[in-house]
Amino acid sequence: MGFWSKLRDIVRWLLRRSDPPPPPGTGQRHQAVEQAAAQQRILNQAERLRNSRWYCEPTQIMPNVPMTFGQRTGYGTRGER
């Protein structure tokens, strides 16, 4: 019976011990690394889009289409009411 009592005490002691806190600034370093990686992904995507065909094609000029009355007045949603 003494063995189980000691084992129970050891297990309780181990469960009571908490992990030491991380060193100061660890979270900021992780955040800086993730931010740099995200920025690099955005730059890579921008470069891929600049080199893609759709970016290099000239813009098509559409013929002048008259606006409807609702489009000209903003369908009454611009605060005139």
C-alpha atoms as a PDB file:
ATOM      1  CA  MET A   1       0.000   0.000   0.000  1.00  0.00           C
ATOM      2  CA  GLY A   2       2.908   2.362   0.619  1.00  0.00           C
ATOM      3  CA  PHE A   3       4.089   2.002  -2.980  1.00  0.00           C
ATOM      4  CA  TRP A   4       0.775   3.252  -4.401  1.00  0.00           C
ATOM      5  CA  SER A   5       0.693   6.107  -1.954  1.00  0.00           C
ATOM      6  CA  LYS A   6       4.176   7.247  -3.003  1.00  0.00           C
ATOM      7  CA  LEU A   7       3.302   6.828  -6.689  1.00  0.00           C
ATOM      8  CA  ARG A   8       0.148   8.898  -6.198  1.00  0.00           C
ATOM      9  CA  ASP A   9       2.169  11.634  -4.459  1.00  0.00           C
ATOM     10  CA  ILE A  10       4.729  11.701  -7.282  1.00  0.00           C
ATOM     11  CA  VAL A  11       2.007  11.924  -9.933  1.00  0.00           C
ATOM     12  CA  ARG A  12       0.286  14.761  -8.061  1.00  0.00           C
ATOM     13  CA  TRP A  13       3.603  16.579  -7.717  1.00  0.00           C
ATOM     14  CA  LEU A  14       4.313  16.205 -11.447  1.00  0.00           C
ATOM     15  CA  LEU A  15       0.849  17.457 -12.377  1.00  0.00           C
ATOM     16  CA  ARG A  16       1.200  20.450 -10.060  1.00  0.00           C
ATOM     17  CA  ARG A  17       4.436  21.599 -11.690  1.00  0.00           C
ATOM     18  CA  SER A  18       3.833  24.199 -14.344  1.00  0.00           C
ATOM     19  CA  ASP A  19       5.940  24.717 -17.431  1.00  0.00           C
ATOM     20  CA  PRO A  20       8.333  27.620 -17.117  1.00  0.00           C
ATOM     21  CA  PRO A  21       7.164  30.742 -18.967  1.00  0.00           C
ATOM     22  CA  PRO A  22       8.827  31.480 -22.286  1.00  0.00           C
ATOM     23  CA  PRO A  23      11.634  34.015 -22.293  1.00  0.00           C
ATOM     24  CA  PRO A  24      10.558  37.652 -22.660  1.00  0.00           C
ATOM     25  CA  GLY A  25      10.029  38.788 -26.244  1.00  0.00           C
ATOM     26  CA  THR A  26       9.377  35.296 -27.637  1.00  0.00           C
ATOM     27  CA  GLY A  27       5.882  36.204 -28.837  1.00  0.00           C
ATOM     28  CA  GLN A  28       7.157  39.356 -30.516  1.00  0.00           C
ATOM     29  CA  ARG A  29       9.848  37.399 -32.335  1.00  0.00           C
ATOM     30  CA  HIS A  30       7.294  34.845 -33.568  1.00  0.00           C
ATOM     31  CA  GLN A  31       5.017  37.650 -34.694  1.00  0.00           C
ATOM     32  CA  ALA A  32       7.857  39.399 -36.528  1.00  0.00           C
ATOM     33  CA  VAL A  33       8.799  36.163 -38.321  1.00  0.00           C
ATOM     34  CA  GLU A  34       5.188  35.518 -39.354  1.00  0.00           C
ATOM     35  CA  GLN A  35       4.768  39.113 -40.508  1.00  0.00           C
ATOM     36  CA  ALA A  36       7.937  38.933 -42.622  1.00  0.00           C
ATOM     37  CA  ALA A  37       6.763  35.657 -44.183  1.00  0.00           C
ATOM     38  CA  ALA A  38       3.347  37.145 -44.987  1.00  0.00           C
ATOM     39  CA  GLN A  39       4.957  40.237 -46.499  1.00  0.00           C
ATOM     40  CA  GLN A  40       7.200  38.057 -48.664  1.00  0.00           C
ATOM     41  CA  ARG A  41       4.183  36.039 -49.859  1.00  0.00           C
ATOM     42  CA  ILE A  42       2.391  39.257 -50.832  1.00  0.00           C
ATOM     43  CA  LEU A  43       5.453  40.549 -52.697  1.00  0.00           C
ATOM     44  CA  ASN A  44       5.846  37.226 -54.519  1.00  0.00           C
ATOM     45  CA  GLN A  45       2.188  37.236 -55.497  1.00  0.00           C
ATOM     46  CA  ALA A  46       2.452  40.834 -56.749  1.00  0.00           C
ATOM     47  CA  GLU A  47       5.469  39.934 -58.868  1.00  0.00           C
ATOM     48  CA  ARG A  48       3.675  36.909 -60.337  1.00  0.00           C
ATOM     49  CA  LEU A  49       0.689  39.095 -61.198  1.00  0.00           C
ATOM     50  CA  ARG A  50       2.915  41.774 -62.763  1.00  0.00           C
ATOM     51  CA  ASN A  51       4.517  39.119 -64.956  1.00  0.00           C
ATOM     52  CA  SER A  52       1.204  37.537 -65.944  1.00  0.00           C
ATOM     53  CA  ARG A  53      -0.379  38.187 -69.314  1.00  0.00           C
ATOM     54  CA  TRP A  54      -3.486  40.040 -68.112  1.00  0.00           C
ATOM     55  CA  TYR A  55      -1.393  42.728 -66.479  1.00  0.00           C
ATOM     56  CA  CYS A  56       0.605  43.394 -69.646  1.00  0.00           C
ATOM     57  CA  GLU A  57      -2.395  43.770 -71.943  1.00  0.00           C
ATOM     58  CA  PRO A  58      -3.624  47.310 -72.668  1.00  0.00           C
ATOM     59  CA  THR A  59      -6.906  48.419 -71.142  1.00  0.00           C
ATOM     60  CA  GLN A  60      -9.892  48.258 -73.453  1.00  0.00           C
ATOM     61  CA  ILE A  61     -11.776  51.515 -73.782  1.00  0.00           C
ATOM     62  CA  MET A  62     -15.497  50.913 -73.647  1.00  0.00           C
ATOM     63  CA  PRO A  63     -17.885  53.005 -75.710  1.00  0.00           C
ATOM     64  CA  ASN A  64     -19.672  55.787 -73.869  1.00  0.00           C
ATOM     65  CA  VAL A  65     -22.937  54.328 -72.565  1.00  0.00           C
ATOM     66  CA  PRO A  66     -25.498  56.773 -71.242  1.00  0.00           C
ATOM     67  CA  MET A  67     -26.370  56.374 -67.573  1.00  0.00           C
ATOM     68  CA  THR A  68     -29.906  55.719 -66.446  1.00  0.00           C
ATOM     69  CA  PHE A  69     -31.722  58.188 -64.241  1.00  0.00           C
ATOM     70  CA  GLY A  70     -31.275  55.884 -61.255  1.00  0.00           C
ATOM     71  CA  GLN A  71     -27.509  55.648 -61.819  1.00  0.00           C
ATOM     72  CA  ARG A  72     -27.215  59.441 -62.137  1.00  0.00           C
ATOM     73  CA  THR A  73     -29.122  60.039 -58.919  1.00  0.00           C
ATOM     74  CA  GLY A  74     -27.529  57.172 -57.000  1.00  0.00           C
ATOM     75  CA  TYR A  75     -30.930  55.475 -56.642  1.00  0.00           C
ATOM     76  CA  GLY A  76     -31.769  57.893 -53.840  1.00  0.00           C
ATOM     77  CA  THR A  77     -29.179  56.462 -51.446  1.00  0.00           C
ATOM     78  CA  ARG A  78     -26.798  59.432 -51.200  1.00  0.00           C
ATOM     79  CA  GLY A  79     -28.543  61.187 -48.364  1.00  0.00           C
ATOM     80  CA  GLU A  80     -30.802  63.524 -50.352  1.00  0.00           C
ATOM     81  CA  ARG A  81     -33.801  62.236 -48.485  1.00  0.00           C
END
